[in-house]
Every structure is written in C-alpha cells, then in structure tokens.
C-alpha atoms as a PDB file:
ATOM      1  CA  MET A   1      54.935  -4.426 -30.052  1.00  0.00           C
ATOM      2  CA  MET A   2      52.964  -6.905 -32.138  1.00  0.00           C
ATOM      3  CA  LYS A   3      52.328  -8.989 -29.006  1.00  0.00           C
ATOM      4  CA  TYR A   4      50.681  -6.020 -27.316  1.00  0.00           C
ATOM      5  CA  VAL A   5      48.475  -5.248 -30.320  1.00  0.00           C
ATOM      6  CA  CYS A   6      47.350  -8.894 -30.502  1.00  0.00           C
ATOM      7  CA  LEU A   7      46.692  -8.920 -26.764  1.00  0.00           C
ATOM      8  CA  LEU A   8      44.659  -5.696 -27.039  1.00  0.00           C
ATOM      9  CA  ILE A   9      42.610  -7.065 -29.964  1.00  0.00           C
ATOM     10  CA  LEU A  10      41.995 -10.332 -28.102  1.00  0.00           C
ATOM     11  CA  THR A  11      40.877  -8.410 -24.985  1.00  0.00           C
ATOM     12  CA  LEU A  12      38.486  -6.192 -26.975  1.00  0.00           C
ATOM     13  CA  PHE A  13      37.093  -9.208 -28.824  1.00  0.00           C
ATOM     14  CA  SER A  14      36.496 -11.025 -25.507  1.00  0.00           C
ATOM     15  CA  PHE A  15      34.823  -7.930 -24.042  1.00  0.00           C
ATOM     16  CA  PHE A  16      32.415  -7.566 -27.002  1.00  0.00           C
ATOM     17  CA  CYS A  17      31.614 -11.315 -27.040  1.00  0.00           C
ATOM     18  CA  TYR A  18      30.812 -11.238 -23.325  1.00  0.00           C
ATOM     19  CA  HIS A  19      28.444  -8.265 -23.663  1.00  0.00           C
ATOM     20  CA  TRP A  20      26.767  -9.712 -26.757  1.00  0.00           C
ATOM     21  CA  TYR A  21      26.194 -13.033 -24.960  1.00  0.00           C
ATOM     22  CA  SER A  22      24.793 -11.235 -21.876  1.00  0.00           C
ATOM     23  CA  ALA A  23      22.361  -9.229 -24.020  1.00  0.00           C
ATOM     24  CA  GLN A  24      21.213 -12.372 -25.860  1.00  0.00           C
ATOM     25  CA  LYS A  25      20.692 -14.204 -22.580  1.00  0.00           C
ATOM     26  CA  ASP A  26      18.442 -11.378 -21.263  1.00  0.00           C
ATOM     27  CA  VAL A  27      16.337 -11.501 -24.435  1.00  0.00           C
ATOM     28  CA  GLN A  28      16.023 -15.292 -24.326  1.00  0.00           C
ATOM     29  CA  ASP A  29      15.263 -15.525 -20.577  1.00  0.00           C
ATOM     30  CA  PRO A  30      11.813 -13.916 -20.036  1.00  0.00           C
ATOM     31  CA  GLU A  31      11.732 -14.840 -16.336  1.00  0.00           C
ATOM     32  CA  ARG A  32      14.863 -12.822 -15.729  1.00  0.00           C
ATOM     33  CA  ALA A  33      13.470  -9.927 -17.769  1.00  0.00           C
ATOM     34  CA  GLU A  34      10.184  -9.982 -15.805  1.00  0.00           C
ATOM     35  CA  ALA A  35      12.028  -9.942 -12.489  1.00  0.00           C
ATOM     36  CA  GLN A  36      13.506  -6.577 -13.381  1.00  0.00           C
ATOM     37  CA  PRO A  37      11.318  -3.525 -12.627  1.00  0.00           C
ATOM     38  CA  ASN A  38      10.236  -1.422 -15.580  1.00  0.00           C
ATOM     39  CA  PHE A  39      10.392   1.756 -13.548  1.00  0.00           C
ATOM     40  CA  ILE A  40      11.972   2.712 -10.219  1.00  0.00           C
ATOM     41  CA  ALA A  41      11.013   5.828  -8.256  1.00  0.00           C
ATOM     42  CA  THR A  42      12.161   7.347  -5.003  1.00  0.00           C
ATOM     43  CA  ASN A  43       9.846   9.564  -2.987  1.00  0.00           C
ATOM     44  CA  PHE A  44       6.896   8.179  -5.000  1.00  0.00           C
ATOM     45  CA  THR A  45       3.531   9.935  -4.456  1.00  0.00           C
ATOM     46  CA  THR A  46       0.135   9.665  -6.171  1.00  0.00           C
ATOM     47  CA  TYR A  47      -2.895  11.871  -5.545  1.00  0.00           C
ATOM     48  CA  ARG A  48      -6.562  11.213  -6.353  1.00  0.00           C
ATOM     49  CA  TYR A  49      -9.248  13.886  -6.534  1.00  0.00           C
ATOM     50  CA  ASN A  50     -13.039  13.643  -6.730  1.00  0.00           C
ATOM     51  CA  GLN A  51     -15.253  15.395  -9.310  1.00  0.00           C
ATOM     52  CA  LEU A  52     -15.447  18.506  -7.110  1.00  0.00           C
ATOM     53  CA  GLY A  53     -11.668  18.784  -6.995  1.00  0.00           C
ATOM     54  CA  TYR A  54     -11.227  17.625  -3.396  1.00  0.00           C
ATOM     55  CA  LEU A  55      -8.312  15.374  -2.573  1.00  0.00           C
ATOM     56  CA  TYR A  56      -9.515  11.981  -1.269  1.00  0.00           C
ATOM     57  CA  GLU A  57      -6.440   9.731  -1.436  1.00  0.00           C
ATOM     58  CA  ILE A  58      -2.665  10.098  -1.184  1.00  0.00           C
ATOM     59  CA  ILE A  59      -0.329   7.135  -1.602  1.00  0.00           C
ATOM     60  CA  HIS A  60       3.336   7.735  -0.801  1.00  0.00           C
ATOM     61  CA  ALA A  61       6.408   5.465  -0.654  1.00  0.00           C
ATOM     62  CA  ASP A  62      10.083   6.107  -0.012  1.00  0.00           C
ATOM     63  CA  HIS A  63      10.931   3.689  -2.842  1.00  0.00           C
ATOM     64  CA  ALA A  64       8.684   2.135  -5.509  1.00  0.00           C
ATOM     65  CA  GLU A  65       9.328  -0.386  -8.276  1.00  0.00           C
ATOM     66  CA  THR A  66       6.809  -0.833 -11.100  1.00  0.00           C
ATOM     67  CA  TYR A  67       6.409  -4.227 -12.791  1.00  0.00           C
ATOM     68  CA  ILE A  68       4.164  -3.678 -15.810  1.00  0.00           C
ATOM     69  CA  SER A  69       3.810  -7.359 -16.770  1.00  0.00           C
ATOM     70  CA  ALA A  70       2.640  -8.235 -13.239  1.00  0.00           C
ATOM     71  CA  ASP A  71       0.482  -5.076 -12.998  1.00  0.00           C
ATOM     72  CA  LEU A  72       2.126  -4.300  -9.660  1.00  0.00           C
ATOM     73  CA  ILE A  73       3.974  -1.560  -7.785  1.00  0.00           C
ATOM     74  CA  GLU A  74       6.166  -2.793  -4.922  1.00  0.00           C
ATOM     75  CA  MET A  75       6.726  -0.121  -2.268  1.00  0.00           C
ATOM     76  CA  THR A  76       9.089   0.433   0.653  1.00  0.00           C
ATOM     77  CA  TYR A  77       7.665   2.360   3.626  1.00  0.00           C
ATOM     78  CA  PRO A  78       4.312   3.100   1.991  1.00  0.00           C
ATOM     79  CA  SER A  79       1.782   5.409   3.602  1.00  0.00           C
ATOM     80  CA  LEU A  80      -1.791   6.113   2.640  1.00  0.00           C
ATOM     81  CA  THR A  81      -3.983   9.035   3.611  1.00  0.00           C
ATOM     82  CA  TYR A  82      -7.635   8.359   2.816  1.00  0.00           C
ATOM     83  CA  TYR A  83     -10.706  10.618   3.179  1.00  0.00           C
ATOM     84  CA  PRO A  84     -13.779   8.304   2.951  1.00  0.00           C
ATOM     85  CA  ALA A  85     -16.271  11.192   2.853  1.00  0.00           C
ATOM     86  CA  ARG A  86     -14.600  12.641  -0.262  1.00  0.00           C
ATOM     87  CA  ASP A  87     -14.288   9.333  -2.167  1.00  0.00           C
ATOM     88  CA  PRO A  88     -16.742   9.204  -5.104  1.00  0.00           C
ATOM     89  CA  SER A  89     -17.201   5.421  -4.599  1.00  0.00           C
ATOM     90  CA  SER A  90     -18.114   5.949  -0.942  1.00  0.00           C
ATOM     91  CA  LYS A  91     -21.672   5.413   0.196  1.00  0.00           C
ATOM     92  CA  LYS A  92     -21.309   8.324   2.586  1.00  0.00           C
ATOM     93  CA  VAL A  93     -20.039  11.091   0.305  1.00  0.00           C
ATOM     94  CA  LEU A  94     -20.946  14.345   1.962  1.00  0.00           C
ATOM     95  CA  LYS A  95     -23.614  16.316   0.139  1.00  0.00           C
ATOM     96  CA  ASN A  96     -22.606  19.553   1.848  1.00  0.00           C
ATOM     97  CA  THR A  97     -19.345  20.533   0.158  1.00  0.00           C
ATOM     98  CA  GLY A  98     -18.492  22.908   3.002  1.00  0.00           C
ATOM     99  CA  ASN A  99     -17.821  19.900   5.253  1.00  0.00           C
ATOM    100  CA  LEU A 100     -15.429  18.333   2.741  1.00  0.00           C
ATOM    101  CA  GLN A 101     -12.647  20.764   3.626  1.00  0.00           C
ATOM    102  CA  ASP A 102     -12.157  19.370   7.136  1.00  0.00           C
ATOM    103  CA  SER A 103     -13.541  15.842   6.723  1.00  0.00           C
ATOM    104  CA  ASP A 104     -12.200  12.947   8.777  1.00  0.00           C
ATOM    105  CA  TYR A 105      -9.480  10.695   7.398  1.00  0.00           C
ATOM    106  CA  TRP A 106      -7.397   7.561   7.936  1.00  0.00           C
ATOM    107  CA  HIS A 107      -3.589   7.509   7.820  1.00  0.00           C
ATOM    108  CA  ILE A 108      -2.143   4.046   7.205  1.00  0.00           C
ATOM    109  CA  LYS A 109       1.557   3.135   7.034  1.00  0.00           C
ATOM    110  CA  ALA A 110       3.719  -0.006   6.864  1.00  0.00           C
ATOM    111  CA  ASP A 111       7.268  -1.176   6.218  1.00  0.00           C
ATOM    112  CA  SER A 112       6.423  -2.586   2.762  1.00  0.00           C
ATOM    113  CA  GLY A 113       3.493  -3.051   0.446  1.00  0.00           C
ATOM    114  CA  SER A 114       2.219  -3.610  -3.070  1.00  0.00           C
ATOM    115  CA  PHE A 115      -0.379  -1.751  -5.121  1.00  0.00           C
ATOM    116  CA  ASN A 116      -2.152  -3.035  -8.244  1.00  0.00           C
ATOM    117  CA  SER A 117      -4.467  -1.542 -10.855  1.00  0.00           C
ATOM    118  CA  LYS A 118      -7.469  -3.376  -9.384  1.00  0.00           C
ATOM    119  CA  ASP A 119      -7.377  -0.607  -6.786  1.00  0.00           C
ATOM    120  CA  SER A 120      -6.122  -2.694  -3.911  1.00  0.00           C
ATOM    121  CA  ILE A 121      -3.079  -2.363  -1.711  1.00  0.00           C
ATOM    122  CA  ASN A 122      -1.475  -5.038   0.455  1.00  0.00           C
ATOM    123  CA  LEU A 123       0.557  -3.719   3.369  1.00  0.00           C
ATOM    124  CA  ARG A 124       3.107  -5.880   5.165  1.00  0.00           C
ATOM    125  CA  ASN A 125       5.143  -5.645   8.366  1.00  0.00           C
ATOM    126  CA  ASN A 126       4.398  -3.160  11.114  1.00  0.00           C
ATOM    127  CA  VAL A 127       1.081  -1.943   9.655  1.00  0.00           C
ATOM    128  CA  LYS A 128      -0.537   0.924  11.585  1.00  0.00           C
ATOM    129  CA  ALA A 129      -3.834   2.569  10.666  1.00  0.00           C
ATOM    130  CA  GLN A 130      -4.757   5.741  12.548  1.00  0.00           C
ATOM    131  CA  ASN A 131      -8.265   7.230  12.372  1.00  0.00           C
ATOM    132  CA  TYR A 132      -8.340  11.043  12.543  1.00  0.00           C
ATOM    133  CA  SER A 133     -12.040  11.498  13.089  1.00  0.00           C
ATOM    134  CA  THR A 134     -13.700  13.785  15.597  1.00  0.00           C
ATOM    135  CA  GLU A 135     -16.227  11.032  16.365  1.00  0.00           C
ATOM    136  CA  ALA A 136     -13.984   7.972  15.936  1.00  0.00           C
ATOM    137  CA  PHE A 137     -15.121   4.811  17.693  1.00  0.00           C
ATOM    138  CA  ILE A 138     -11.957   3.070  16.474  1.00  0.00           C
ATOM    139  CA  SER A 139      -8.841   5.194  16.757  1.00  0.00           C
ATOM    140  CA  SER A 140      -6.168   2.735  15.552  1.00  0.00           C
ATOM    141  CA  ILE A 141      -5.651  -0.684  13.993  1.00  0.00           C
ATOM    142  CA  GLU A 142      -2.285  -2.511  14.048  1.00  0.00           C
ATOM    143  CA  SER A 143      -1.291  -5.762  12.366  1.00  0.00           C
ATOM    144  CA  GLY A 144       1.506  -7.499  10.502  1.00  0.00           C
ATOM    145  CA  TYR A 145      -0.540  -7.552   7.277  1.00  0.00           C
ATOM    146  CA  LEU A 146      -3.510  -5.581   5.952  1.00  0.00           C
ATOM    147  CA  GLU A 147      -5.367  -5.611   2.623  1.00  0.00           C
ATOM    148  CA  LEU A 148      -7.316  -2.563   1.450  1.00  0.00           C
ATOM    149  CA  ASP A 149      -9.723  -2.616  -1.496  1.00  0.00           C
ATOM    150  CA  PHE A 150     -10.444   0.930  -2.671  1.00  0.00           C
ATOM    151  CA  THR A 151     -13.393  -0.019  -4.888  1.00  0.00           C
ATOM    152  CA  THR A 152     -15.356  -1.247  -1.843  1.00  0.00           C
ATOM    153  CA  ASN A 153     -13.347   0.485   0.935  1.00  0.00           C
ATOM    154  CA  GLU A 154     -12.954  -2.898   2.617  1.00  0.00           C
ATOM    155  CA  VAL A 155     -10.070  -3.758   4.905  1.00  0.00           C
ATOM    156  CA  ARG A 156      -9.114  -7.296   5.957  1.00  0.00           C
ATOM    157  CA  THR A 157      -6.375  -9.403   7.483  1.00  0.00           C
ATOM    158  CA  PRO A 158      -6.088 -13.065   8.474  1.00  0.00           C
ATOM    159  CA  GLU A 159      -3.348 -12.215  10.994  1.00  0.00           C
ATOM    160  CA  ILE A 160      -3.426 -11.020  14.596  1.00  0.00           C
ATOM    161  CA  VAL A 161      -4.779  -7.497  14.820  1.00  0.00           C
ATOM    162  CA  TYR A 162      -4.870  -4.951  17.657  1.00  0.00           C
ATOM    163  CA  ILE A 163      -7.679  -2.411  17.725  1.00  0.00           C
ATOM    164  CA  ASN A 164      -7.836   0.596  20.029  1.00  0.00           C
ATOM    165  CA  GLY A 165     -10.750   2.935  20.430  1.00  0.00           C
ATOM    166  CA  LYS A 166     -12.616   5.134  22.795  1.00  0.00           C
ATOM    167  CA  ASP A 167     -12.656   3.319  26.147  1.00  0.00           C
ATOM    168  CA  PHE A 168     -11.583  -0.099  24.769  1.00  0.00           C
ATOM    169  CA  SER A 169      -8.767  -2.148  23.294  1.00  0.00           C
ATOM    170  CA  ASN A 170      -9.137  -5.437  21.467  1.00  0.00           C
ATOM    171  CA  SER A 171      -6.912  -8.125  19.982  1.00  0.00           C
ATOM    172  CA  CYS A 172      -7.980 -10.975  17.728  1.00  0.00           C
ATOM    173  CA  LYS A 173      -6.946 -13.150  14.811  1.00  0.00           C
ATOM    174  CA  GLY A 174      -8.580 -11.950  11.610  1.00  0.00           C
ATOM    175  CA  LEU A 175     -10.514  -8.820  10.701  1.00  0.00           C
ATOM    176  CA  ASN A 176     -13.017  -7.842   7.999  1.00  0.00           C
ATOM    177  CA  GLY A 177     -14.182  -4.267   7.907  1.00  0.00           C
ATOM    178  CA  ASN A 178     -15.175  -1.229   5.908  1.00  0.00           C
ATOM    179  CA  LEU A 179     -13.566   2.199   6.293  1.00  0.00           C
ATOM    180  CA  ASP A 180     -16.617   3.835   4.769  1.00  0.00           C
ATOM    181  CA  THR A 181     -19.349   2.357   6.974  1.00  0.00           C
ATOM    182  CA  LYS A 182     -17.015   1.934   9.981  1.00  0.00           C
ATOM    183  CA  TYR A 183     -18.251  -1.653  10.394  1.00  0.00           C
ATOM    184  CA  PHE A 184     -15.579  -4.121  11.570  1.00  0.00           C
ATOM    185  CA  GLU A 185     -15.977  -7.852  12.187  1.00  0.00           C
ATOM    186  CA  LEU A 186     -13.467  -9.616  14.456  1.00  0.00           C
ATOM    187  CA  MET A 187     -12.907 -13.214  13.409  1.00  0.00           C
ATOM    188  CA  GLU A 188     -11.540 -15.446  16.219  1.00  0.00           C
ATOM    189  CA  ASN A 189      -9.682 -15.585  19.540  1.00  0.00           C
ATOM    190  CA  CYS A 190     -10.811 -12.104  20.541  1.00  0.00           C
ATOM    191  CA  HIS A 191      -9.768 -10.490  23.796  1.00  0.00           C
ATOM    192  CA  ALA A 192     -11.205  -7.124  24.768  1.00  0.00           C
ATOM    193  CA  ILE A 193     -10.596  -4.670  27.597  1.00  0.00           C
ATOM    194  CA  TYR A 194     -13.253  -2.042  28.261  1.00  0.00           C
ATOM    195  CA  THR A 195     -12.280   0.943  30.377  1.00  0.00           C
ATOM    196  CA  GLY A 196     -15.327   3.156  29.985  1.00  0.00           C
ATOM    197  CA  THR A 197     -18.785   3.004  31.474  1.00  0.00           C
ATOM    198  CA  VAL A 198     -21.537   0.978  29.853  1.00  0.00           C
ATOM    199  CA  ASN A 199     -24.907   2.721  29.423  1.00  0.00           C
ATOM    200  CA  ARG A 200     -27.902   0.405  29.959  1.00  0.00           C
END
C-alpha cells in the first residue's frame, strides 16, 4: 500500500512541476506569448454608421483572431460591404439624404485577410470586388491580393488583376484606384477587350 501512495505522490508532484514549468516558460518567452491571439471570434461582424445614422461599412469574417500587440485582426473568409456615398470621409457624400437609402455599394470578399486600426484591410487569395451601382463603369475586380485604405478609399495591388465592366474586360499587373472617385490606374502589361461601340 505504501508503494502506491508514494507512486501517487510522485505522479502528482511531477504533474505540478510540469505545469509550473510550462507557465513560467510562457511568461519568459514573449515571442510565444505574442503569437497567441488575445481574442478569437467566430461569425465576426463590425458595422460603421455615419453622423446621420446610415450604415456605410460592414466587415464580416467566418473566423477572426485579434492580436493587440500587433494591432491586427486576422480573418478567415472576410467580406466587406462598403457604401462610398454614405462614408463621412468620402468626397462624394450625398447631400440629399433621401438618396442615401438606396445608394450604390461595393461588396468585396476573399479567402483571408487582415485589418488594422489604421483603417486598412489587406485581402489575400481569391479576392473578388463586385460593384453594385446602377451606373457602374467597372462591375468587378478580381486579384490574388488587394489592399484597401478606408481613410482615403484607395485600393491597390501589385499582383495580376482582372477588371470587368460595361462592354470591356481588362487584365494587367498592378492597380491603383479610388472607390470614391471611381478612378483606376492600370500599371503594366495591360490587355483589354472592348465589346461595345465607341462613340467618336
């Protein structure tokens, strides 16, 4: 019987020593501590409203991990719905509030992405941006990577991008643009197909 009691005490002592050592190692190893998310959320959604109470931005992700020390939220399957005409930082905020109800918007989704407090989001893998505007010149943008800066409403990528619009499609390497002004600059190796008629 004494053998079993000694064996039990030795096992408990080993168990407590192991857990104490593991806890000390986590405290002493800041890199390991920083690699762990501070907060994990499933079905993560944030909403932003303007001063008039109109929704102008929705960010959603199936899974999100917040790293406070890196000022970063890593997201799986993020999607963004953005109404440029309702955004208070937009240069084209509608003055007539009656038009805000049905204003045009962009819906952007990807396989993964990251969001930081500087109001920018980086989307990676299978990025698709769809423009739901009644007068959209560009209807969709697709790329493997896309950066969006919400303070300036700029969008950019150094990678190959495919752009589709009314009566045209275009592919190129690199894009700089603005969702607010609807100005897009194609960088290099551009190939375009025009299917509509050209007015001269």
